[in-house]
Every structure is written in structure tokens, then in C-alpha cells.
Amino acid sequence: MSPLAVTTGSFAVAFVPAVVIVYYSGFFNEVESNVHMQNALWYLLALAFLGTAIANIYFNKLIHLSNPVFAASVTYTIPIVAVLWGVWDGETINIYQLIGGAIILFGVYLVNRKKRPS
């Protein structure tokens, strides 16, 4: 399947439950009564379509061109970029967050390491 078809299918499946959850949370009533939230909603939609959807299409294209293991390795950079953005924005990082990140990366290493023949 094409990367666009995979992305469209995954978003289509997630769309209906997401709309139901958002509807019953009272979000639409809140947005209707708050002008600032209406403006923020447009930015959120732009980020969803231009950021997430396009990134998903490219990620699926990467999987299509290479293999899933290589494509999954791209996701290792996401926590690094997130931490760098946080530091750049002035957030503080404590030892618990570093330990948690190390545990996650060690778990990913254990899952992806190649087994040696016995």
C-alpha cells in the first residue's frame, strides 16, 4: 500500500472515536463561548494536518523505502529533540526524568538487539 493510503487509513480509523470523545468532553461548547479558543483551534488544526499528517506520510514512505527496523530507529531521535526543545525553552530536567529516559532506551535496546546463534 502507498504511504498516503496507510496514513489516511490510520487517521480515518482514529477519527470517529476521537470526535465522540471530544464531543462528550464539552470541548465544542467551550470553544463556542471563547474567542481565544477559536483562534487556538485553527492553529491546532494546522499543526495536526501540516505537522502530524505530513510527518506520518513521510514516516510510512521511509518504512516503504527501507525496512521497519531502520524506520523505527528514526523514533530514537524524538526524545532527544524533545529534551533539546525543553532545555532551549528553559525547562529543568531532573534526575528522575533522566533515569526514566535511560530505562526506556535500555528497553528499546533489549528489544531490538540481534540474538546470537547458540
PDB file of N, CA and C in Angstrom:
ATOM      1  N   MET A   1       0.843  -1.188   0.000  1.00  0.00           N
ATOM      2  CA  MET A   1       0.000   0.000   0.000  1.00  0.00           C
ATOM      3  C   MET A   1       0.884   1.246   0.000  1.00  0.00           C
ATOM      4  N   SER A   2       0.364   2.302  -0.538  1.00  0.00           N
ATOM      5  CA  SER A   2       1.127   3.550  -0.575  1.00  0.00           C
ATOM      6  C   SER A   2       1.158   4.185   0.822  1.00  0.00           C
ATOM      7  N   PRO A   3       2.195   4.976   1.105  1.00  0.00           N
ATOM      8  CA  PRO A   3       2.267   5.651   2.402  1.00  0.00           C
ATOM      9  C   PRO A   3       1.061   6.552   2.673  1.00  0.00           C
ATOM     10  N   LEU A   4       0.558   7.204   1.626  1.00  0.00           N
ATOM     11  CA  LEU A   4      -0.613   8.059   1.794  1.00  0.00           C
ATOM     12  C   LEU A   4      -1.834   7.233   2.192  1.00  0.00           C
ATOM     13  N   ALA A   5      -2.007   6.054   1.593  1.00  0.00           N
ATOM     14  CA  ALA A   5      -3.143   5.193   1.923  1.00  0.00           C
ATOM     15  C   ALA A   5      -3.052   4.684   3.362  1.00  0.00           C
ATOM     16  N   VAL A   6      -1.862   4.312   3.785  1.00  0.00           N
ATOM     17  CA  VAL A   6      -1.684   3.834   5.160  1.00  0.00           C
ATOM     18  C   VAL A   6      -1.995   4.945   6.154  1.00  0.00           C
ATOM     19  N   THR A   7      -1.484   6.136   5.889  1.00  0.00           N
ATOM     20  CA  THR A   7      -1.726   7.269   6.784  1.00  0.00           C
ATOM     21  C   THR A   7      -3.203   7.636   6.804  1.00  0.00           C
ATOM     22  N   THR A   8      -3.824   7.686   5.631  1.00  0.00           N
ATOM     23  CA  THR A   8      -5.245   8.020   5.556  1.00  0.00           C
ATOM     24  C   THR A   8      -6.075   7.000   6.304  1.00  0.00           C
ATOM     25  N   GLY A   9      -5.762   5.732   6.132  1.00  0.00           N
ATOM     26  CA  GLY A   9      -6.498   4.680   6.827  1.00  0.00           C
ATOM     27  C   GLY A   9      -6.356   4.771   8.332  1.00  0.00           C
ATOM     28  N   SER A  10      -5.152   5.008   8.808  1.00  0.00           N
ATOM     29  CA  SER A  10      -4.954   5.070  10.254  1.00  0.00           C
ATOM     30  C   SER A  10      -5.651   6.275  10.871  1.00  0.00           C
ATOM     31  N   PHE A  11      -5.614   7.409  10.181  1.00  0.00           N
ATOM     32  CA  PHE A  11      -6.314   8.579  10.695  1.00  0.00           C
ATOM     33  C   PHE A  11      -7.825   8.425  10.586  1.00  0.00           C
ATOM     34  N   ALA A  12      -8.300   7.767   9.554  1.00  0.00           N
ATOM     35  CA  ALA A  12      -9.748   7.557   9.396  1.00  0.00           C
ATOM     36  C   ALA A  12     -10.293   6.672  10.511  1.00  0.00           C
ATOM     37  N   VAL A  13      -9.540   5.660  10.879  1.00  0.00           N
ATOM     38  CA  VAL A  13      -9.978   4.763  11.952  1.00  0.00           C
ATOM     39  C   VAL A  13      -9.996   5.494  13.292  1.00  0.00           C
ATOM     40  N   ALA A  14      -9.035   6.362  13.523  1.00  0.00           N
ATOM     41  CA  ALA A  14      -8.948   7.076  14.798  1.00  0.00           C
ATOM     42  C   ALA A  14      -9.891   8.274  14.865  1.00  0.00           C
ATOM     43  N   PHE A  15     -10.381   8.760  13.726  1.00  0.00           N
ATOM     44  CA  PHE A  15     -11.167   9.994  13.692  1.00  0.00           C
ATOM     45  C   PHE A  15     -12.491   9.875  14.431  1.00  0.00           C
ATOM     46  N   VAL A  16     -13.253   8.833  14.168  1.00  0.00           N
ATOM     47  CA  VAL A  16     -14.597   8.712  14.754  1.00  0.00           C
ATOM     48  C   VAL A  16     -14.537   8.611  16.285  1.00  0.00           C
ATOM     49  N   PRO A  17     -13.733   7.716  16.853  1.00  0.00           N
ATOM     50  CA  PRO A  17     -13.684   7.690  18.320  1.00  0.00           C
ATOM     51  C   PRO A  17     -13.176   9.003  18.915  1.00  0.00           C
ATOM     52  N   ALA A  18     -12.255   9.666  18.234  1.00  0.00           N
ATOM     53  CA  ALA A  18     -11.729  10.934  18.747  1.00  0.00           C
ATOM     54  C   ALA A  18     -12.820  11.996  18.783  1.00  0.00           C
ATOM     55  N   VAL A  19     -13.621  12.065  17.735  1.00  0.00           N
ATOM     56  CA  VAL A  19     -14.706  13.055  17.700  1.00  0.00           C
ATOM     57  C   VAL A  19     -15.737  12.760  18.793  1.00  0.00           C
ATOM     58  N   VAL A  20     -16.050  11.504  19.009  1.00  0.00           N
ATOM     59  CA  VAL A  20     -17.013  11.135  20.061  1.00  0.00           C
ATOM     60  C   VAL A  20     -16.483  11.554  21.433  1.00  0.00           C
ATOM     61  N   ILE A  21     -15.231  11.272  21.698  1.00  0.00           N
ATOM     62  CA  ILE A  21     -14.639  11.633  22.993  1.00  0.00           C
ATOM     63  C   ILE A  21     -14.614  13.142  23.175  1.00  0.00           C
ATOM     64  N   VAL A  22     -14.217  13.864  22.140  1.00  0.00           N
ATOM     65  CA  VAL A  22     -14.159  15.323  22.236  1.00  0.00           C
ATOM     66  C   VAL A  22     -15.567  15.899  22.409  1.00  0.00           C
ATOM     67  N   TYR A  23     -16.551  15.333  21.732  1.00  0.00           N
ATOM     68  CA  TYR A  23     -17.928  15.820  21.849  1.00  0.00           C
ATOM     69  C   TYR A  23     -18.436  15.680  23.281  1.00  0.00           C
ATOM     70  N   TYR A  24     -18.236  14.522  23.888  1.00  0.00           N
ATOM     71  CA  TYR A  24     -18.748  14.284  25.235  1.00  0.00           C
ATOM     72  C   TYR A  24     -17.904  14.960  26.316  1.00  0.00           C
ATOM     73  N   SER A  25     -16.749  15.487  25.966  1.00  0.00           N
ATOM     74  CA  SER A  25     -15.941  16.202  26.957  1.00  0.00           C
ATOM     75  C   SER A  25     -16.414  17.644  27.156  1.00  0.00           C
ATOM     76  N   GLY A  26     -17.285  18.129  26.276  1.00  0.00           N
ATOM     77  CA  GLY A  26     -17.759  19.503  26.365  1.00  0.00           C
ATOM     78  C   GLY A  26     -16.852  20.499  25.672  1.00  0.00           C
ATOM     79  N   PHE A  27     -15.934  19.998  24.876  1.00  0.00           N
ATOM     80  CA  PHE A  27     -14.967  20.851  24.203  1.00  0.00           C
ATOM     81  C   PHE A  27     -15.637  21.829  23.242  1.00  0.00           C
ATOM     82  N   PHE A  28     -16.603  21.353  22.462  1.00  0.00           N
ATOM     83  CA  PHE A  28     -17.236  22.215  21.463  1.00  0.00           C
ATOM     84  C   PHE A  28     -17.994  23.370  22.117  1.00  0.00           C
ATOM     85  N   ASN A  29     -18.629  23.115  23.264  1.00  0.00           N
ATOM     86  CA  ASN A  29     -19.316  24.198  23.975  1.00  0.00           C
ATOM     87  C   ASN A  29     -18.323  25.229  24.482  1.00  0.00           C
ATOM     88  N   GLU A  30     -17.189  24.774  24.968  1.00  0.00           N
ATOM     89  CA  GLU A  30     -16.156  25.682  25.465  1.00  0.00           C
ATOM     90  C   GLU A  30     -15.580  26.539  24.335  1.00  0.00           C
ATOM     91  N   VAL A  31     -15.330  25.918  23.186  1.00  0.00           N
ATOM     92  CA  VAL A  31     -14.780  26.652  22.050  1.00  0.00           C
ATOM     93  C   VAL A  31     -15.784  27.668  21.529  1.00  0.00           C
ATOM     94  N   GLU A  32     -17.053  27.303  21.530  1.00  0.00           N
ATOM     95  CA  GLU A  32     -18.095  28.195  21.027  1.00  0.00           C
ATOM     96  C   GLU A  32     -18.195  29.476  21.865  1.00  0.00           C
ATOM     97  N   SER A  33     -17.924  29.364  23.158  1.00  0.00           N
ATOM     98  CA  SER A  33     -18.085  30.520  24.037  1.00  0.00           C
ATOM     99  C   SER A  33     -16.794  31.303  24.269  1.00  0.00           C
ATOM    100  N   ASN A  34     -15.669  30.856  23.714  1.00  0.00           N
ATOM    101  CA  ASN A  34     -14.387  31.505  23.979  1.00  0.00           C
ATOM    102  C   ASN A  34     -13.686  31.828  22.656  1.00  0.00           C
ATOM    103  N   VAL A  35     -13.544  33.114  22.371  1.00  0.00           N
ATOM    104  CA  VAL A  35     -12.942  33.552  21.110  1.00  0.00           C
ATOM    105  C   VAL A  35     -11.475  33.135  21.032  1.00  0.00           C
ATOM    106  N   HIS A  36     -10.764  33.196  22.137  1.00  0.00           N
ATOM    107  CA  HIS A  36      -9.348  32.809  22.138  1.00  0.00           C
ATOM    108  C   HIS A  36      -9.175  31.333  21.799  1.00  0.00           C
ATOM    109  N   MET A  37     -10.092  30.521  22.286  1.00  0.00           N
ATOM    110  CA  MET A  37     -10.013  29.091  21.969  1.00  0.00           C
ATOM    111  C   MET A  37     -10.343  28.834  20.506  1.00  0.00           C
ATOM    112  N   GLN A  38     -11.187  29.662  19.907  1.00  0.00           N
ATOM    113  CA  GLN A  38     -11.489  29.509  18.485  1.00  0.00           C
ATOM    114  C   GLN A  38     -10.245  29.761  17.648  1.00  0.00           C
ATOM    115  N   ASN A  39      -9.483  30.782  17.998  1.00  0.00           N
ATOM    116  CA  ASN A  39      -8.237  31.059  17.284  1.00  0.00           C
ATOM    117  C   ASN A  39      -7.238  29.927  17.508  1.00  0.00           C
ATOM    118  N   ALA A  40      -7.140  29.453  18.734  1.00  0.00           N
ATOM    119  CA  ALA A  40      -6.208  28.375  19.058  1.00  0.00           C
ATOM    120  C   ALA A  40      -6.581  27.092  18.320  1.00  0.00           C
ATOM    121  N   LEU A  41      -7.865  26.871  18.116  1.00  0.00           N
ATOM    122  CA  LEU A  41      -8.316  25.670  17.414  1.00  0.00           C
ATOM    123  C   LEU A  41      -7.811  25.654  15.976  1.00  0.00           C
ATOM    124  N   TRP A  42      -7.780  26.818  15.318  1.00  0.00           N
ATOM    125  CA  TRP A  42      -7.263  26.869  13.949  1.00  0.00           C
ATOM    126  C   TRP A  42      -5.772  26.519  13.914  1.00  0.00           C
ATOM    127  N   TYR A  43      -5.035  26.998  14.899  1.00  0.00           N
ATOM    128  CA  TYR A  43      -3.611  26.652  14.975  1.00  0.00           C
ATOM    129  C   TYR A  43      -3.430  25.160  15.252  1.00  0.00           C
ATOM    130  N   LEU A  44      -4.286  24.636  16.096  1.00  0.00           N
ATOM    131  CA  LEU A  44      -4.223  23.204  16.406  1.00  0.00           C
ATOM    132  C   LEU A  44      -4.523  22.359  15.172  1.00  0.00           C
ATOM    133  N   LEU A  45      -5.514  22.755  14.398  1.00  0.00           N
ATOM    134  CA  LEU A  45      -5.844  22.025  13.175  1.00  0.00           C
ATOM    135  C   LEU A  45      -4.709  22.124  12.149  1.00  0.00           C
ATOM    136  N   ALA A  46      -4.103  23.299  12.039  1.00  0.00           N
ATOM    137  CA  ALA A  46      -2.963  23.465  11.117  1.00  0.00           C
ATOM    138  C   ALA A  46      -1.809  22.568  11.551  1.00  0.00           C
ATOM    139  N   LEU A  47      -1.545  22.519  12.843  1.00  0.00           N
ATOM    140  CA  LEU A  47      -0.485  21.660  13.338  1.00  0.00           C
ATOM    141  C   LEU A  47      -0.805  20.189  13.091  1.00  0.00           C
ATOM    142  N   ALA A  48      -2.059  19.815  13.272  1.00  0.00           N
ATOM    143  CA  ALA A  48      -2.455  18.422  13.063  1.00  0.00           C
ATOM    144  C   ALA A  48      -2.287  18.010  11.612  1.00  0.00           C
ATOM    145  N   PHE A  49      -2.739  18.850  10.699  1.00  0.00           N
ATOM    146  CA  PHE A  49      -2.674  18.479   9.292  1.00  0.00           C
ATOM    147  C   PHE A  49      -1.285  18.673   8.703  1.00  0.00           C
ATOM    148  N   LEU A  50      -0.684  19.812   8.968  1.00  0.00           N
ATOM    149  CA  LEU A  50       0.607  20.112   8.355  1.00  0.00           C
ATOM    150  C   LEU A  50       1.761  19.409   9.071  1.00  0.00           C
ATOM    151  N   GLY A  51       1.629  19.204  10.354  1.00  0.00           N
ATOM    152  CA  GLY A  51       2.695  18.554  11.104  1.00  0.00           C
ATOM    153  C   GLY A  51       2.522  17.056  11.176  1.00  0.00           C
ATOM    154  N   THR A  52       1.508  16.626  11.872  1.00  0.00           N
ATOM    155  CA  THR A  52       1.329  15.205  12.144  1.00  0.00           C
ATOM    156  C   THR A  52       1.031  14.400  10.890  1.00  0.00           C
ATOM    157  N   ALA A  53       0.097  14.841  10.086  1.00  0.00           N
ATOM    158  CA  ALA A  53      -0.292  14.059   8.909  1.00  0.00           C
ATOM    159  C   ALA A  53       0.859  13.959   7.908  1.00  0.00           C
ATOM    160  N   ILE A  54       1.508  15.058   7.627  1.00  0.00           N
ATOM    161  CA  ILE A  54       2.613  15.022   6.662  1.00  0.00           C
ATOM    162  C   ILE A  54       3.777  14.209   7.218  1.00  0.00           C
ATOM    163  N   ALA A  55       4.070  14.367   8.508  1.00  0.00           N
ATOM    164  CA  ALA A  55       5.141  13.580   9.114  1.00  0.00           C
ATOM    165  C   ALA A  55       4.815  12.088   9.052  1.00  0.00           C
ATOM    166  N   ASN A  56       3.555  11.740   9.253  1.00  0.00           N
ATOM    167  CA  ASN A  56       3.144  10.338   9.163  1.00  0.00           C
ATOM    168  C   ASN A  56       3.301   9.803   7.750  1.00  0.00           C
ATOM    169  N   ILE A  57       2.963  10.601   6.765  1.00  0.00           N
ATOM    170  CA  ILE A  57       3.120  10.169   5.371  1.00  0.00           C
ATOM    171  C   ILE A  57       4.594   9.905   5.078  1.00  0.00           C
ATOM    172  N   TYR A  58       5.464  10.829   5.497  1.00  0.00           N
ATOM    173  CA  TYR A  58       6.898  10.629   5.262  1.00  0.00           C
ATOM    174  C   TYR A  58       7.447   9.437   6.040  1.00  0.00           C
ATOM    175  N   PHE A  59       6.953   9.230   7.256  1.00  0.00           N
ATOM    176  CA  PHE A  59       7.398   8.082   8.045  1.00  0.00           C
ATOM    177  C   PHE A  59       7.002   6.779   7.360  1.00  0.00           C
ATOM    178  N   ASN A  60       5.771   6.702   6.863  1.00  0.00           N
ATOM    179  CA  ASN A  60       5.335   5.499   6.148  1.00  0.00           C
ATOM    180  C   ASN A  60       6.096   5.327   4.836  1.00  0.00           C
ATOM    181  N   LYS A  61       6.455   6.429   4.207  1.00  0.00           N
ATOM    182  CA  LYS A  61       7.285   6.363   2.999  1.00  0.00           C
ATOM    183  C   LYS A  61       8.663   5.806   3.343  1.00  0.00           C
ATOM    184  N   LEU A  62       9.210   6.226   4.477  1.00  0.00           N
ATOM    185  CA  LEU A  62      10.501   5.724   4.932  1.00  0.00           C
ATOM    186  C   LEU A  62      10.438   4.212   5.180  1.00  0.00           C
ATOM    187  N   ILE A  63       9.377   3.760   5.796  1.00  0.00           N
ATOM    188  CA  ILE A  63       9.199   2.321   6.018  1.00  0.00           C
ATOM    189  C   ILE A  63       9.102   1.594   4.680  1.00  0.00           C
ATOM    190  N   HIS A  64       8.381   2.197   3.739  1.00  0.00           N
ATOM    191  CA  HIS A  64       8.207   1.589   2.413  1.00  0.00           C
ATOM    192  C   HIS A  64       9.540   1.484   1.668  1.00  0.00           C
ATOM    193  N   LEU A  65      10.393   2.511   1.790  1.00  0.00           N
ATOM    194  CA  LEU A  65      11.665   2.527   1.075  1.00  0.00           C
ATOM    195  C   LEU A  65      12.737   1.671   1.738  1.00  0.00           C
ATOM    196  N   SER A  66      12.711   1.595   3.052  1.00  0.00           N
ATOM    197  CA  SER A  66      13.742   0.824   3.752  1.00  0.00           C
ATOM    198  C   SER A  66      13.093  -0.384   4.411  1.00  0.00           C
ATOM    199  N   ASN A  67      13.351  -0.568   5.675  1.00  0.00           N
ATOM    200  CA  ASN A  67      12.684  -1.637   6.403  1.00  0.00           C
ATOM    201  C   ASN A  67      12.183  -1.086   7.728  1.00  0.00           C
ATOM    202  N   PRO A  68      11.266  -1.784   8.380  1.00  0.00           N
ATOM    203  CA  PRO A  68      10.676  -1.258   9.614  1.00  0.00           C
ATOM    204  C   PRO A  68      11.694  -1.033  10.736  1.00  0.00           C
ATOM    205  N   VAL A  69      12.733  -1.848  10.801  1.00  0.00           N
ATOM    206  CA  VAL A  69      13.725  -1.669  11.867  1.00  0.00           C
ATOM    207  C   VAL A  69      14.464  -0.350  11.685  1.00  0.00           C
ATOM    208  N   PHE A  70      14.851  -0.034  10.444  1.00  0.00           N
ATOM    209  CA  PHE A  70      15.526   1.236  10.180  1.00  0.00           C
ATOM    210  C   PHE A  70      14.581   2.404  10.474  1.00  0.00           C
ATOM    211  N   ALA A  71      13.342   2.285  10.051  1.00  0.00           N
ATOM    212  CA  ALA A  71      12.381   3.358  10.276  1.00  0.00           C
ATOM    213  C   ALA A  71      12.114   3.547  11.768  1.00  0.00           C
ATOM    214  N   ALA A  72      12.080   2.461  12.516  1.00  0.00           N
ATOM    215  CA  ALA A  72      11.861   2.573  13.959  1.00  0.00           C
ATOM    216  C   ALA A  72      13.040   3.272  14.630  1.00  0.00           C
ATOM    217  N   SER A  73      14.226   3.110  14.070  1.00  0.00           N
ATOM    218  CA  SER A  73      15.389   3.766  14.665  1.00  0.00           C
ATOM    219  C   SER A  73      15.284   5.285  14.561  1.00  0.00           C
ATOM    220  N   VAL A  74      14.511   5.775  13.601  1.00  0.00           N
ATOM    221  CA  VAL A  74      14.287   7.218  13.482  1.00  0.00           C
ATOM    222  C   VAL A  74      13.580   7.739  14.730  1.00  0.00           C
ATOM    223  N   THR A  75      12.734   6.915  15.322  1.00  0.00           N
ATOM    224  CA  THR A  75      11.985   7.354  16.503  1.00  0.00           C
ATOM    225  C   THR A  75      12.884   7.530  17.725  1.00  0.00           C
ATOM    226  N   TYR A  76      14.103   7.011  17.675  1.00  0.00           N
ATOM    227  CA  TYR A  76      15.025   7.233  18.790  1.00  0.00           C
ATOM    228  C   TYR A  76      15.399   8.698  18.913  1.00  0.00           C
ATOM    229  N   THR A  77      15.340   9.433  17.831  1.00  0.00           N
ATOM    230  CA  THR A  77      15.712  10.848  17.880  1.00  0.00           C
ATOM    231  C   THR A  77      14.611  11.717  18.471  1.00  0.00           C
ATOM    232  N   ILE A  78      13.396  11.231  18.533  1.00  0.00           N
ATOM    233  CA  ILE A  78      12.285  12.042  19.039  1.00  0.00           C
ATOM    234  C   ILE A  78      12.514  12.473  20.491  1.00  0.00           C
ATOM    235  N   PRO A  79      12.888  11.576  21.414  1.00  0.00           N
ATOM    236  CA  PRO A  79      13.140  12.048  22.785  1.00  0.00           C
ATOM    237  C   PRO A  79      14.305  13.028  22.870  1.00  0.00           C
ATOM    238  N   ILE A  80      15.320  12.833  22.039  1.00  0.00           N
ATOM    239  CA  ILE A  80      16.463  13.750  22.065  1.00  0.00           C
ATOM    240  C   ILE A  80      16.023  15.148  21.633  1.00  0.00           C
ATOM    241  N   VAL A  81      15.261  15.223  20.562  1.00  0.00           N
ATOM    242  CA  VAL A  81      14.771  16.523  20.092  1.00  0.00           C
ATOM    243  C   VAL A  81      13.842  17.150  21.127  1.00  0.00           C
ATOM    244  N   ALA A  82      12.999  16.340  21.754  1.00  0.00           N
ATOM    245  CA  ALA A  82      12.082  16.862  22.775  1.00  0.00           C
ATOM    246  C   ALA A  82      12.842  17.441  23.964  1.00  0.00           C
ATOM    247  N   VAL A  83      13.872  16.745  24.403  1.00  0.00           N
ATOM    248  CA  VAL A  83      14.676  17.256  25.515  1.00  0.00           C
ATOM    249  C   VAL A  83      15.391  18.542  25.119  1.00  0.00           C
ATOM    250  N   LEU A  84      15.940  18.578  23.916  1.00  0.00           N
ATOM    251  CA  LEU A  84      16.629  19.791  23.460  1.00  0.00           C
ATOM    252  C   LEU A  84      15.669  20.978  23.388  1.00  0.00           C
ATOM    253  N   TRP A  85      14.449  20.746  22.895  1.00  0.00           N
ATOM    254  CA  TRP A  85      13.465  21.826  22.857  1.00  0.00           C
ATOM    255  C   TRP A  85      13.123  22.286  24.272  1.00  0.00           C
ATOM    256  N   GLY A  86      12.983  21.338  25.193  1.00  0.00           N
ATOM    257  CA  GLY A  86      12.682  21.691  26.578  1.00  0.00           C
ATOM    258  C   GLY A  86      13.788  22.515  27.211  1.00  0.00           C
ATOM    259  N   VAL A  87      15.024  22.108  27.008  1.00  0.00           N
ATOM    260  CA  VAL A  87      16.163  22.858  27.554  1.00  0.00           C
ATOM    261  C   VAL A  87      16.218  24.251  26.929  1.00  0.00           C
ATOM    262  N   TRP A  88      16.015  24.316  25.622  1.00  0.00           N
ATOM    263  CA  TRP A  88      16.032  25.605  24.926  1.00  0.00           C
ATOM    264  C   TRP A  88      14.935  26.536  25.444  1.00  0.00           C
ATOM    265  N   ASP A  89      13.793  25.943  25.858  1.00  0.00           N
ATOM    266  CA  ASP A  89      12.667  26.727  26.354  1.00  0.00           C
ATOM    267  C   ASP A  89      12.812  27.067  27.834  1.00  0.00           C
ATOM    268  N   GLY A  90      13.883  26.581  28.464  1.00  0.00           N
ATOM    269  CA  GLY A  90      14.124  26.936  29.862  1.00  0.00           C
ATOM    270  C   GLY A  90      13.565  25.949  30.874  1.00  0.00           C
ATOM    271  N   GLU A  91      13.106  24.805  30.426  1.00  0.00           N
ATOM    272  CA  GLU A  91      12.600  23.806  31.360  1.00  0.00           C
ATOM    273  C   GLU A  91      13.763  23.133  32.080  1.00  0.00           C
ATOM    274  N   THR A  92      13.495  22.685  33.280  1.00  0.00           N
ATOM    275  CA  THR A  92      14.529  21.980  34.027  1.00  0.00           C
ATOM    276  C   THR A  92      14.302  20.488  33.903  1.00  0.00           C
ATOM    277  N   ILE A  93      15.384  19.763  33.884  1.00  0.00           N
ATOM    278  CA  ILE A  93      15.318  18.297  33.792  1.00  0.00           C
ATOM    279  C   ILE A  93      15.885  17.752  35.089  1.00  0.00           C
ATOM    280  N   ASN A  94      15.115  16.868  35.742  1.00  0.00           N
ATOM    281  CA  ASN A  94      15.613  16.307  36.987  1.00  0.00           C
ATOM    282  C   ASN A  94      16.134  14.888  36.769  1.00  0.00           C
ATOM    283  N   ILE A  95      16.717  14.342  37.803  1.00  0.00           N
ATOM    284  CA  ILE A  95      17.358  13.036  37.714  1.00  0.00           C
ATOM    285  C   ILE A  95      16.345  11.930  37.412  1.00  0.00           C
ATOM    286  N   TYR A  96      15.124  12.064  37.896  1.00  0.00           N
ATOM    287  CA  TYR A  96      14.107  11.038  37.642  1.00  0.00           C
ATOM    288  C   TYR A  96      13.770  10.946  36.157  1.00  0.00           C
ATOM    289  N   GLN A  97      13.702  12.069  35.489  1.00  0.00           N
ATOM    290  CA  GLN A  97      13.434  12.073  34.052  1.00  0.00           C
ATOM    291  C   GLN A  97      14.592  11.446  33.284  1.00  0.00           C
ATOM    292  N   LEU A  98      15.809  11.737  33.687  1.00  0.00           N
ATOM    293  CA  LEU A  98      16.966  11.137  33.027  1.00  0.00           C
ATOM    294  C   LEU A  98      17.007   9.619  33.250  1.00  0.00           C
ATOM    295  N   ILE A  99      16.726   9.190  34.469  1.00  0.00           N
ATOM    296  CA  ILE A  99      16.701   7.749  34.760  1.00  0.00           C
ATOM    297  C   ILE A  99      15.590   7.067  33.960  1.00  0.00           C
ATOM    298  N   GLY A 100      14.413   7.691  33.917  1.00  0.00           N
ATOM    299  CA  GLY A 100      13.305   7.124  33.142  1.00  0.00           C
ATOM    300  C   GLY A 100      13.645   7.015  31.666  1.00  0.00           C
ATOM    301  N   GLY A 101      14.266   8.051  31.116  1.00  0.00           N
ATOM    302  CA  GLY A 101      14.681   8.009  29.714  1.00  0.00           C
ATOM    303  C   GLY A 101      15.698   6.921  29.457  1.00  0.00           C
ATOM    304  N   ALA A 102      16.643   6.759  30.391  1.00  0.00           N
ATOM    305  CA  ALA A 102      17.654   5.710  30.241  1.00  0.00           C
ATOM    306  C   ALA A 102      17.019   4.316  30.287  1.00  0.00           C
ATOM    307  N   ILE A 103      16.055   4.133  31.163  1.00  0.00           N
ATOM    308  CA  ILE A 103      15.361   2.837  31.249  1.00  0.00           C
ATOM    309  C   ILE A 103      14.624   2.542  29.949  1.00  0.00           C
ATOM    310  N   ILE A 104      13.958   3.543  29.405  1.00  0.00           N
ATOM    311  CA  ILE A 104      13.231   3.351  28.143  1.00  0.00           C
ATOM    312  C   ILE A 104      14.201   3.003  27.017  1.00  0.00           C
ATOM    313  N   LEU A 105      15.290   3.748  26.902  1.00  0.00           N
ATOM    314  CA  LEU A 105      16.261   3.468  25.841  1.00  0.00           C
ATOM    315  C   LEU A 105      16.905   2.097  26.023  1.00  0.00           C
ATOM    316  N   PHE A 106      17.155   1.688  27.269  1.00  0.00           N
ATOM    317  CA  PHE A 106      17.709   0.356  27.515  1.00  0.00           C
ATOM    318  C   PHE A 106      16.700  -0.717  27.107  1.00  0.00           C
ATOM    319  N   GLY A 107      15.422  -0.496  27.389  1.00  0.00           N
ATOM    320  CA  GLY A 107      14.379  -1.440  26.967  1.00  0.00           C
ATOM    321  C   GLY A 107      14.288  -1.549  25.458  1.00  0.00           C
ATOM    322  N   VAL A 108      14.398  -0.414  24.777  1.00  0.00           N
ATOM    323  CA  VAL A 108      14.387  -0.426  23.310  1.00  0.00           C
ATOM    324  C   VAL A 108      15.606  -1.185  22.777  1.00  0.00           C
ATOM    325  N   TYR A 109      16.752  -0.973  23.409  1.00  0.00           N
ATOM    326  CA  TYR A 109      17.957  -1.703  23.014  1.00  0.00           C
ATOM    327  C   TYR A 109      17.759  -3.208  23.179  1.00  0.00           C
ATOM    328  N   LEU A 110      17.198  -3.624  24.312  1.00  0.00           N
ATOM    329  CA  LEU A 110      16.990  -5.054  24.557  1.00  0.00           C
ATOM    330  C   LEU A 110      16.038  -5.666  23.532  1.00  0.00           C
ATOM    331  N   VAL A 111      15.016  -4.928  23.164  1.00  0.00           N
ATOM    332  CA  VAL A 111      14.034  -5.445  22.205  1.00  0.00           C
ATOM    333  C   VAL A 111      14.644  -5.554  20.812  1.00  0.00           C
ATOM    334  N   ASN A 112      15.483  -4.606  20.432  1.00  0.00           N
ATOM    335  CA  ASN A 112      15.984  -4.554  19.064  1.00  0.00           C
ATOM    336  C   ASN A 112      17.330  -5.222  18.839  1.00  0.00           C
ATOM    337  N   ARG A 113      17.995  -5.672  19.878  1.00  0.00           N
ATOM    338  CA  ARG A 113      19.297  -6.297  19.668  1.00  0.00           C
ATOM    339  C   ARG A 113      19.125  -7.642  18.965  1.00  0.00           C
ATOM    340  N   LYS A 114      20.112  -7.988  18.208  1.00  0.00           N
ATOM    341  CA  LYS A 114      20.048  -9.246  17.480  1.00  0.00           C
ATOM    342  C   LYS A 114      20.449 -10.381  18.395  1.00  0.00           C
ATOM    343  N   LYS A 115      19.727 -11.467  18.274  1.00  0.00           N
ATOM    344  CA  LYS A 115      20.042 -12.634  19.090  1.00  0.00           C
ATOM    345  C   LYS A 115      21.204 -13.389  18.434  1.00  0.00           C
ATOM    346  N   ARG A 116      22.115 -13.798  19.252  1.00  0.00           N
ATOM    347  CA  ARG A 116      23.254 -14.557  18.744  1.00  0.00           C
ATOM    348  C   ARG A 116      22.884 -16.020  18.659  1.00  0.00           C
ATOM    349  N   PRO A 117      23.325 -16.672  17.605  1.00  0.00           N
ATOM    350  CA  PRO A 117      23.018 -18.104  17.499  1.00  0.00           C
ATOM    351  C   PRO A 117      23.719 -18.893  18.599  1.00  0.00           C
ATOM    352  N   SER A 118      23.046 -19.891  19.109  1.00  0.00           N
ATOM    353  CA  SER A 118      23.594 -20.695  20.204  1.00  0.00           C
ATOM    354  C   SER A 118      24.522 -21.747  19.686  1.00  0.00           C
TER     355      SER A 118
END
